[in-house]
Structures are given as C-alpha cells and as structure tokens.
Amino acid sequence: MIEITLQEGDRLEWALKSFKRKVIQSGLFAELRRRRHYVKPSEARALKDELALRRARAAARRAARLRGRRAASRSPRHDAH
C-alpha cells in the first residue's frame, strides 16, 4: 500500500505530486491500465508477438545506425588522391 505522510503545513499539490510519482514507480498504474479490459489469451499472445517485433525492428534500426556511423568513420578520405 502506498502512503504519503504529511506534516503540518505541507501543500496539497506536493502531496498529490508525490503520491502520483510513487504510484507510477510502483507499477500500480501500469497494472491498472493493463487490467482495464479483459484480454483473451489469443489476443494477449498476438500483442506480445507484436511488441517483440517492434522491439526487434527498433534494435535493428539502432544497429544499422551504429554500423553506419562506424563505416563513415573508417572510410578512406576521397581527397587523398
């Protein structure tokens, strides 16, 4: 259970901000959002596969970008001739 202890004179805005931060960091907010609607097991697998595909594509893009930077730094200078 998430608790925020307030002292006399603490501002409500600070307390709400602190509470919200703790809820998000605990993962409760993401869990509530995930459980908002029932997801059939077949849909859950499809979502999981789609997320894995997105992550793989993003990793491939990062790797290609990194390879491009390395190749550009190793290429011989054209004005050396």
PDB file of N, CA and C in Angstrom:
ATOM      1  N   MET A   1       0.834  -1.174   0.000  1.00  0.00           N
ATOM      2  CA  MET A   1       0.000   0.000   0.000  1.00  0.00           C
ATOM      3  C   MET A   1       0.879   1.238   0.000  1.00  0.00           C
ATOM      4  N   ILE A   2       0.516   2.202  -0.785  1.00  0.00           N
ATOM      5  CA  ILE A   2       1.314   3.409  -0.934  1.00  0.00           C
ATOM      6  C   ILE A   2       0.815   4.455   0.054  1.00  0.00           C
ATOM      7  N   GLU A   3       1.746   5.000   0.819  1.00  0.00           N
ATOM      8  CA  GLU A   3       1.388   6.003   1.816  1.00  0.00           C
ATOM      9  C   GLU A   3       2.254   7.234   1.654  1.00  0.00           C
ATOM     10  N   ILE A   4       1.648   8.361   1.921  1.00  0.00           N
ATOM     11  CA  ILE A   4       2.354   9.637   1.947  1.00  0.00           C
ATOM     12  C   ILE A   4       2.080  10.246   3.318  1.00  0.00           C
ATOM     13  N   THR A   5       3.119  10.544   4.063  1.00  0.00           N
ATOM     14  CA  THR A   5       2.920  11.186   5.361  1.00  0.00           C
ATOM     15  C   THR A   5       3.107  12.682   5.188  1.00  0.00           C
ATOM     16  N   LEU A   6       2.158  13.422   5.699  1.00  0.00           N
ATOM     17  CA  LEU A   6       2.189  14.876   5.580  1.00  0.00           C
ATOM     18  C   LEU A   6       2.489  15.500   6.935  1.00  0.00           C
ATOM     19  N   GLN A   7       3.234  16.554   6.882  1.00  0.00           N
ATOM     20  CA  GLN A   7       3.494  17.343   8.079  1.00  0.00           C
ATOM     21  C   GLN A   7       2.530  18.524   8.091  1.00  0.00           C
ATOM     22  N   GLU A   8       2.402  19.144   9.219  1.00  0.00           N
ATOM     23  CA  GLU A   8       1.548  20.322   9.329  1.00  0.00           C
ATOM     24  C   GLU A   8       2.085  21.407   8.396  1.00  0.00           C
ATOM     25  N   GLY A   9       1.225  21.915   7.559  1.00  0.00           N
ATOM     26  CA  GLY A   9       1.625  22.987   6.650  1.00  0.00           C
ATOM     27  C   GLY A   9       2.088  22.503   5.288  1.00  0.00           C
ATOM     28  N   ASP A  10       2.152  21.190   5.062  1.00  0.00           N
ATOM     29  CA  ASP A  10       2.533  20.689   3.732  1.00  0.00           C
ATOM     30  C   ASP A  10       1.445  21.031   2.727  1.00  0.00           C
ATOM     31  N   ARG A  11       1.871  21.309   1.525  1.00  0.00           N
ATOM     32  CA  ARG A  11       0.923  21.706   0.489  1.00  0.00           C
ATOM     33  C   ARG A  11       0.286  20.473  -0.146  1.00  0.00           C
ATOM     34  N   LEU A  12      -0.987  20.601  -0.469  1.00  0.00           N
ATOM     35  CA  LEU A  12      -1.732  19.514  -1.085  1.00  0.00           C
ATOM     36  C   LEU A  12      -1.150  19.167  -2.453  1.00  0.00           C
ATOM     37  N   GLU A  13      -0.711  20.170  -3.216  1.00  0.00           N
ATOM     38  CA  GLU A  13      -0.134  19.929  -4.544  1.00  0.00           C
ATOM     39  C   GLU A  13       1.104  19.041  -4.433  1.00  0.00           C
ATOM     40  N   TRP A  14       1.936  19.304  -3.419  1.00  0.00           N
ATOM     41  CA  TRP A  14       3.138  18.499  -3.219  1.00  0.00           C
ATOM     42  C   TRP A  14       2.754  17.060  -2.887  1.00  0.00           C
ATOM     43  N   ALA A  15       1.742  16.909  -2.026  1.00  0.00           N
ATOM     44  CA  ALA A  15       1.325  15.569  -1.618  1.00  0.00           C
ATOM     45  C   ALA A  15       0.783  14.784  -2.807  1.00  0.00           C
ATOM     46  N   LEU A  16      -0.041  15.426  -3.640  1.00  0.00           N
ATOM     47  CA  LEU A  16      -0.583  14.744  -4.813  1.00  0.00           C
ATOM     48  C   LEU A  16       0.516  14.369  -5.794  1.00  0.00           C
ATOM     49  N   LYS A  17       1.464  15.274  -5.987  1.00  0.00           N
ATOM     50  CA  LYS A  17       2.578  15.006  -6.902  1.00  0.00           C
ATOM     51  C   LYS A  17       3.422  13.835  -6.388  1.00  0.00           C
ATOM     52  N   SER A  18       3.686  13.824  -5.105  1.00  0.00           N
ATOM     53  CA  SER A  18       4.473  12.752  -4.505  1.00  0.00           C
ATOM     54  C   SER A  18       3.734  11.420  -4.591  1.00  0.00           C
ATOM     55  N   PHE A  19       2.423  11.440  -4.314  1.00  0.00           N
ATOM     56  CA  PHE A  19       1.623  10.225  -4.394  1.00  0.00           C
ATOM     57  C   PHE A  19       1.610   9.680  -5.816  1.00  0.00           C
ATOM     58  N   LYS A  20       1.397  10.559  -6.790  1.00  0.00           N
ATOM     59  CA  LYS A  20       1.363  10.135  -8.192  1.00  0.00           C
ATOM     60  C   LYS A  20       2.702   9.510  -8.594  1.00  0.00           C
ATOM     61  N   ARG A  21       3.797  10.121  -8.182  1.00  0.00           N
ATOM     62  CA  ARG A  21       5.127   9.598  -8.513  1.00  0.00           C
ATOM     63  C   ARG A  21       5.319   8.198  -7.923  1.00  0.00           C
ATOM     64  N   LYS A  22       4.900   8.004  -6.677  1.00  0.00           N
ATOM     65  CA  LYS A  22       5.055   6.696  -6.035  1.00  0.00           C
ATOM     66  C   LYS A  22       4.179   5.633  -6.698  1.00  0.00           C
ATOM     67  N   VAL A  23       2.965   6.013  -7.104  1.00  0.00           N
ATOM     68  CA  VAL A  23       2.068   5.070  -7.778  1.00  0.00           C
ATOM     69  C   VAL A  23       2.675   4.626  -9.099  1.00  0.00           C
ATOM     70  N   ILE A  24       3.213   5.567  -9.859  1.00  0.00           N
ATOM     71  CA  ILE A  24       3.811   5.242 -11.158  1.00  0.00           C
ATOM     72  C   ILE A  24       5.053   4.374 -10.969  1.00  0.00           C
ATOM     73  N   GLN A  25       5.906   4.732 -10.013  1.00  0.00           N
ATOM     74  CA  GLN A  25       7.136   3.971  -9.787  1.00  0.00           C
ATOM     75  C   GLN A  25       6.857   2.555  -9.284  1.00  0.00           C
ATOM     76  N   SER A  26       5.767   2.371  -8.568  1.00  0.00           N
ATOM     77  CA  SER A  26       5.452   1.040  -8.043  1.00  0.00           C
ATOM     78  C   SER A  26       4.920   0.108  -9.129  1.00  0.00           C
ATOM     79  N   GLY A  27       4.500   0.674 -10.263  1.00  0.00           N
ATOM     80  CA  GLY A  27       3.962  -0.142 -11.339  1.00  0.00           C
ATOM     81  C   GLY A  27       2.466  -0.369 -11.225  1.00  0.00           C
ATOM     82  N   LEU A  28       1.849   0.189 -10.209  1.00  0.00           N
ATOM     83  CA  LEU A  28       0.412   0.006  -9.995  1.00  0.00           C
ATOM     84  C   LEU A  28      -0.402   0.627 -11.122  1.00  0.00           C
ATOM     85  N   PHE A  29       0.012   1.788 -11.576  1.00  0.00           N
ATOM     86  CA  PHE A  29      -0.727   2.483 -12.633  1.00  0.00           C
ATOM     87  C   PHE A  29      -0.717   1.667 -13.924  1.00  0.00           C
ATOM     88  N   ALA A  30       0.440   1.131 -14.287  1.00  0.00           N
ATOM     89  CA  ALA A  30       0.535   0.310 -15.498  1.00  0.00           C
ATOM     90  C   ALA A  30      -0.297  -0.959 -15.351  1.00  0.00           C
ATOM     91  N   GLU A  31      -0.294  -1.534 -14.160  1.00  0.00           N
ATOM     92  CA  GLU A  31      -1.087  -2.741 -13.907  1.00  0.00           C
ATOM     93  C   GLU A  31      -2.580  -2.454 -14.041  1.00  0.00           C
ATOM     94  N   LEU A  32      -3.025  -1.335 -13.508  1.00  0.00           N
ATOM     95  CA  LEU A  32      -4.437  -0.960 -13.630  1.00  0.00           C
ATOM     96  C   LEU A  32      -4.824  -0.731 -15.081  1.00  0.00           C
ATOM     97  N   ARG A  33      -3.957  -0.070 -15.811  1.00  0.00           N
ATOM     98  CA  ARG A  33      -4.240   0.182 -17.223  1.00  0.00           C
ATOM     99  C   ARG A  33      -4.293  -1.137 -17.998  1.00  0.00           C
ATOM    100  N   ARG A  34      -3.403  -2.055 -17.670  1.00  0.00           N
ATOM    101  CA  ARG A  34      -3.358  -3.342 -18.354  1.00  0.00           C
ATOM    102  C   ARG A  34      -4.605  -4.167 -18.051  1.00  0.00           C
ATOM    103  N   ARG A  35      -5.110  -4.067 -16.836  1.00  0.00           N
ATOM    104  CA  ARG A  35      -6.262  -4.866 -16.423  1.00  0.00           C
ATOM    105  C   ARG A  35      -7.600  -4.163 -16.642  1.00  0.00           C
ATOM    106  N   ARG A  36      -7.592  -3.036 -17.299  1.00  0.00           N
ATOM    107  CA  ARG A  36      -8.832  -2.288 -17.506  1.00  0.00           C
ATOM    108  C   ARG A  36      -9.876  -3.124 -18.235  1.00  0.00           C
ATOM    109  N   HIS A  37      -9.424  -3.878 -19.236  1.00  0.00           N
ATOM    110  CA  HIS A  37     -10.322  -4.725 -20.010  1.00  0.00           C
ATOM    111  C   HIS A  37      -9.744  -6.133 -20.055  1.00  0.00           C
ATOM    112  N   TYR A  38     -10.623  -7.103 -20.149  1.00  0.00           N
ATOM    113  CA  TYR A  38     -10.179  -8.481 -20.273  1.00  0.00           C
ATOM    114  C   TYR A  38      -9.605  -8.691 -21.669  1.00  0.00           C
ATOM    115  N   VAL A  39      -8.470  -9.349 -21.723  1.00  0.00           N
ATOM    116  CA  VAL A  39      -7.834  -9.667 -22.999  1.00  0.00           C
ATOM    117  C   VAL A  39      -7.765 -11.185 -23.097  1.00  0.00           C
ATOM    118  N   LYS A  40      -8.337 -11.702 -24.174  1.00  0.00           N
ATOM    119  CA  LYS A  40      -8.316 -13.146 -24.374  1.00  0.00           C
ATOM    120  C   LYS A  40      -6.868 -13.611 -24.526  1.00  0.00           C
ATOM    121  N   PRO A  41      -6.579 -14.855 -24.152  1.00  0.00           N
ATOM    122  CA  PRO A  41      -5.213 -15.361 -24.271  1.00  0.00           C
ATOM    123  C   PRO A  41      -4.661 -15.263 -25.691  1.00  0.00           C
ATOM    124  N   SER A  42      -5.491 -15.510 -26.695  1.00  0.00           N
ATOM    125  CA  SER A  42      -5.005 -15.413 -28.076  1.00  0.00           C
ATOM    126  C   SER A  42      -4.645 -13.969 -28.418  1.00  0.00           C
ATOM    127  N   GLU A  43      -5.436 -13.008 -27.932  1.00  0.00           N
ATOM    128  CA  GLU A  43      -5.120 -11.598 -28.168  1.00  0.00           C
ATOM    129  C   GLU A  43      -3.864 -11.197 -27.410  1.00  0.00           C
ATOM    130  N   ALA A  44      -3.694 -11.732 -26.202  1.00  0.00           N
ATOM    131  CA  ALA A  44      -2.508 -11.426 -25.413  1.00  0.00           C
ATOM    132  C   ALA A  44      -1.253 -11.919 -26.131  1.00  0.00           C
ATOM    133  N   ARG A  45      -1.320 -13.126 -26.709  1.00  0.00           N
ATOM    134  CA  ARG A  45      -0.165 -13.645 -27.462  1.00  0.00           C
ATOM    135  C   ARG A  45       0.118 -12.772 -28.670  1.00  0.00           C
ATOM    136  N   ALA A  46      -0.942 -12.352 -29.376  1.00  0.00           N
ATOM    137  CA  ALA A  46      -0.759 -11.513 -30.558  1.00  0.00           C
ATOM    138  C   ALA A  46      -0.121 -10.183 -30.171  1.00  0.00           C
ATOM    139  N   LEU A  47      -0.572  -9.588 -29.067  1.00  0.00           N
ATOM    140  CA  LEU A  47       0.015  -8.330 -28.608  1.00  0.00           C
ATOM    141  C   LEU A  47       1.476  -8.520 -28.203  1.00  0.00           C
ATOM    142  N   LYS A  48       1.750  -9.633 -27.543  1.00  0.00           N
ATOM    143  CA  LYS A  48       3.113  -9.930 -27.117  1.00  0.00           C
ATOM    144  C   LYS A  48       4.033 -10.101 -28.326  1.00  0.00           C
ATOM    145  N   ASP A  49       3.557 -10.828 -29.349  1.00  0.00           N
ATOM    146  CA  ASP A  49       4.343 -11.020 -30.568  1.00  0.00           C
ATOM    147  C   ASP A  49       4.573  -9.694 -31.287  1.00  0.00           C
ATOM    148  N   GLU A  50       3.527  -8.860 -31.332  1.00  0.00           N
ATOM    149  CA  GLU A  50       3.655  -7.562 -31.994  1.00  0.00           C
ATOM    150  C   GLU A  50       4.669  -6.682 -31.270  1.00  0.00           C
ATOM    151  N   LEU A  51       4.639  -6.697 -29.945  1.00  0.00           N
ATOM    152  CA  LEU A  51       5.592  -5.915 -29.166  1.00  0.00           C
ATOM    153  C   LEU A  51       7.019  -6.420 -29.393  1.00  0.00           C
ATOM    154  N   ALA A  52       7.194  -7.735 -29.449  1.00  0.00           N
ATOM    155  CA  ALA A  52       8.516  -8.307 -29.704  1.00  0.00           C
ATOM    156  C   ALA A  52       9.020  -7.901 -31.082  1.00  0.00           C
ATOM    157  N   LEU A  53       8.125  -7.887 -32.069  1.00  0.00           N
ATOM    158  CA  LEU A  53       8.505  -7.484 -33.418  1.00  0.00           C
ATOM    159  C   LEU A  53       8.916  -6.014 -33.449  1.00  0.00           C
ATOM    160  N   ARG A  54       8.170  -5.171 -32.747  1.00  0.00           N
ATOM    161  CA  ARG A  54       8.529  -3.744 -32.686  1.00  0.00           C
ATOM    162  C   ARG A  54       9.897  -3.549 -32.061  1.00  0.00           C
ATOM    163  N   ARG A  55      10.145  -4.275 -30.962  1.00  0.00           N
ATOM    164  CA  ARG A  55      11.439  -4.148 -30.288  1.00  0.00           C
ATOM    165  C   ARG A  55      12.570  -4.634 -31.185  1.00  0.00           C
ATOM    166  N   ALA A  56      12.345  -5.720 -31.912  1.00  0.00           N
ATOM    167  CA  ALA A  56      13.376  -6.247 -32.807  1.00  0.00           C
ATOM    168  C   ALA A  56      13.669  -5.256 -33.927  1.00  0.00           C
ATOM    169  N   ARG A  57      12.611  -4.656 -34.489  1.00  0.00           N
ATOM    170  CA  ARG A  57      12.817  -3.664 -35.551  1.00  0.00           C
ATOM    171  C   ARG A  57      13.566  -2.446 -35.026  1.00  0.00           C
ATOM    172  N   ALA A  58      13.221  -1.996 -33.836  1.00  0.00           N
ATOM    173  CA  ALA A  58      13.907  -0.846 -33.251  1.00  0.00           C
ATOM    174  C   ALA A  58      15.376  -1.175 -33.001  1.00  0.00           C
ATOM    175  N   ALA A  59      15.656  -2.376 -32.517  1.00  0.00           N
ATOM    176  CA  ALA A  59      17.040  -2.785 -32.282  1.00  0.00           C
ATOM    177  C   ALA A  59      17.808  -2.863 -33.595  1.00  0.00           C
ATOM    178  N   ALA A  60      17.150  -3.344 -34.653  1.00  0.00           N
ATOM    179  CA  ALA A  60      17.802  -3.417 -35.963  1.00  0.00           C
ATOM    180  C   ALA A  60      18.100  -2.017 -36.489  1.00  0.00           C
ATOM    181  N   ARG A  61      17.170  -1.088 -36.275  1.00  0.00           N
ATOM    182  CA  ARG A  61      17.410   0.296 -36.713  1.00  0.00           C
ATOM    183  C   ARG A  61      18.578   0.907 -35.956  1.00  0.00           C
ATOM    184  N   ARG A  62      18.625   0.673 -34.635  1.00  0.00           N
ATOM    185  CA  ARG A  62      19.738   1.205 -33.845  1.00  0.00           C
ATOM    186  C   ARG A  62      21.059   0.605 -34.302  1.00  0.00           C
ATOM    187  N   ALA A  63      21.069  -0.702 -34.560  1.00  0.00           N
ATOM    188  CA  ALA A  63      22.295  -1.369 -35.001  1.00  0.00           C
ATOM    189  C   ALA A  63      22.728  -0.848 -36.365  1.00  0.00           C
ATOM    190  N   ALA A  64      21.775  -0.641 -37.274  1.00  0.00           N
ATOM    191  CA  ALA A  64      22.110  -0.129 -38.604  1.00  0.00           C
ATOM    192  C   ALA A  64      22.659   1.287 -38.505  1.00  0.00           C
ATOM    193  N   ARG A  65      22.059   2.087 -37.637  1.00  0.00           N
ATOM    194  CA  ARG A  65      22.532   3.457 -37.458  1.00  0.00           C
ATOM    195  C   ARG A  65      23.948   3.452 -36.896  1.00  0.00           C
ATOM    196  N   LEU A  66      24.202   2.554 -35.948  1.00  0.00           N
ATOM    197  CA  LEU A  66      25.526   2.454 -35.350  1.00  0.00           C
ATOM    198  C   LEU A  66      26.541   1.962 -36.377  1.00  0.00           C
ATOM    199  N   ARG A  67      26.160   0.951 -37.184  1.00  0.00           N
ATOM    200  CA  ARG A  67      27.065   0.470 -38.235  1.00  0.00           C
ATOM    201  C   ARG A  67      27.358   1.579 -39.234  1.00  0.00           C
ATOM    202  N   GLY A  68      26.369   2.389 -39.550  1.00  0.00           N
ATOM    203  CA  GLY A  68      26.560   3.494 -40.480  1.00  0.00           C
ATOM    204  C   GLY A  68      27.556   4.504 -39.949  1.00  0.00           C
ATOM    205  N   ARG A  69      27.498   4.782 -38.674  1.00  0.00           N
ATOM    206  CA  ARG A  69      28.450   5.725 -38.071  1.00  0.00           C
ATOM    207  C   ARG A  69      29.856   5.151 -38.085  1.00  0.00           C
ATOM    208  N   ARG A  70      29.962   3.857 -37.768  1.00  0.00           N
ATOM    209  CA  ARG A  70      31.288   3.232 -37.755  1.00  0.00           C
ATOM    210  C   ARG A  70      31.873   3.177 -39.161  1.00  0.00           C
ATOM    211  N   ALA A  71      31.043   2.848 -40.149  1.00  0.00           N
ATOM    212  CA  ALA A  71      31.528   2.764 -41.524  1.00  0.00           C
ATOM    213  C   ALA A  71      31.968   4.134 -42.014  1.00  0.00           C
ATOM    214  N   ALA A  72      31.248   5.162 -41.648  1.00  0.00           N
ATOM    215  CA  ALA A  72      31.603   6.516 -42.078  1.00  0.00           C
ATOM    216  C   ALA A  72      32.911   6.957 -41.437  1.00  0.00           C
ATOM    217  N   SER A  73      33.152   6.547 -40.207  1.00  0.00           N
ATOM    218  CA  SER A  73      34.382   6.968 -39.543  1.00  0.00           C
ATOM    219  C   SER A  73      35.592   6.196 -40.061  1.00  0.00           C
ATOM    220  N   ARG A  74      35.408   4.990 -40.610  1.00  0.00           N
ATOM    221  CA  ARG A  74      36.520   4.181 -41.109  1.00  0.00           C
ATOM    222  C   ARG A  74      36.791   4.381 -42.596  1.00  0.00           C
ATOM    223  N   SER A  75      35.878   5.018 -43.302  1.00  0.00           N
ATOM    224  CA  SER A  75      36.047   5.119 -44.751  1.00  0.00           C
ATOM    225  C   SER A  75      37.259   5.990 -45.085  1.00  0.00           C
ATOM    226  N   PRO A  76      37.982   5.624 -46.141  1.00  0.00           N
ATOM    227  CA  PRO A  76      39.145   6.426 -46.530  1.00  0.00           C
ATOM    228  C   PRO A  76      38.696   7.778 -47.064  1.00  0.00           C
ATOM    229  N   ARG A  77      39.545   8.736 -46.912  1.00  0.00           N
ATOM    230  CA  ARG A  77      39.212  10.083 -47.385  1.00  0.00           C
ATOM    231  C   ARG A  77      39.360  10.130 -48.886  1.00  0.00           C
ATOM    232  N   HIS A  78      38.421  10.746 -49.546  1.00  0.00           N
ATOM    233  CA  HIS A  78      38.426  10.799 -51.002  1.00  0.00           C
ATOM    234  C   HIS A  78      39.418  11.823 -51.538  1.00  0.00           C
ATOM    235  N   ASP A  79      39.789  12.806 -50.734  1.00  0.00           N
ATOM    236  CA  ASP A  79      40.688  13.843 -51.234  1.00  0.00           C
ATOM    237  C   ASP A  79      42.156  13.448 -51.096  1.00  0.00           C
ATOM    238  N   ALA A  80      42.478  12.223 -50.740  1.00  0.00           N
ATOM    239  CA  ALA A  80      43.855  11.774 -50.583  1.00  0.00           C
ATOM    240  C   ALA A  80      44.521  11.496 -51.926  1.00  0.00           C
ATOM    241  N   HIS A  81      43.739  11.364 -53.010  1.00  0.00           N
ATOM    242  CA  HIS A  81      44.318  11.036 -54.309  1.00  0.00           C
ATOM    243  C   HIS A  81      44.997  12.187 -54.917  1.00  0.00           C
TER     244      HIS A  81
END
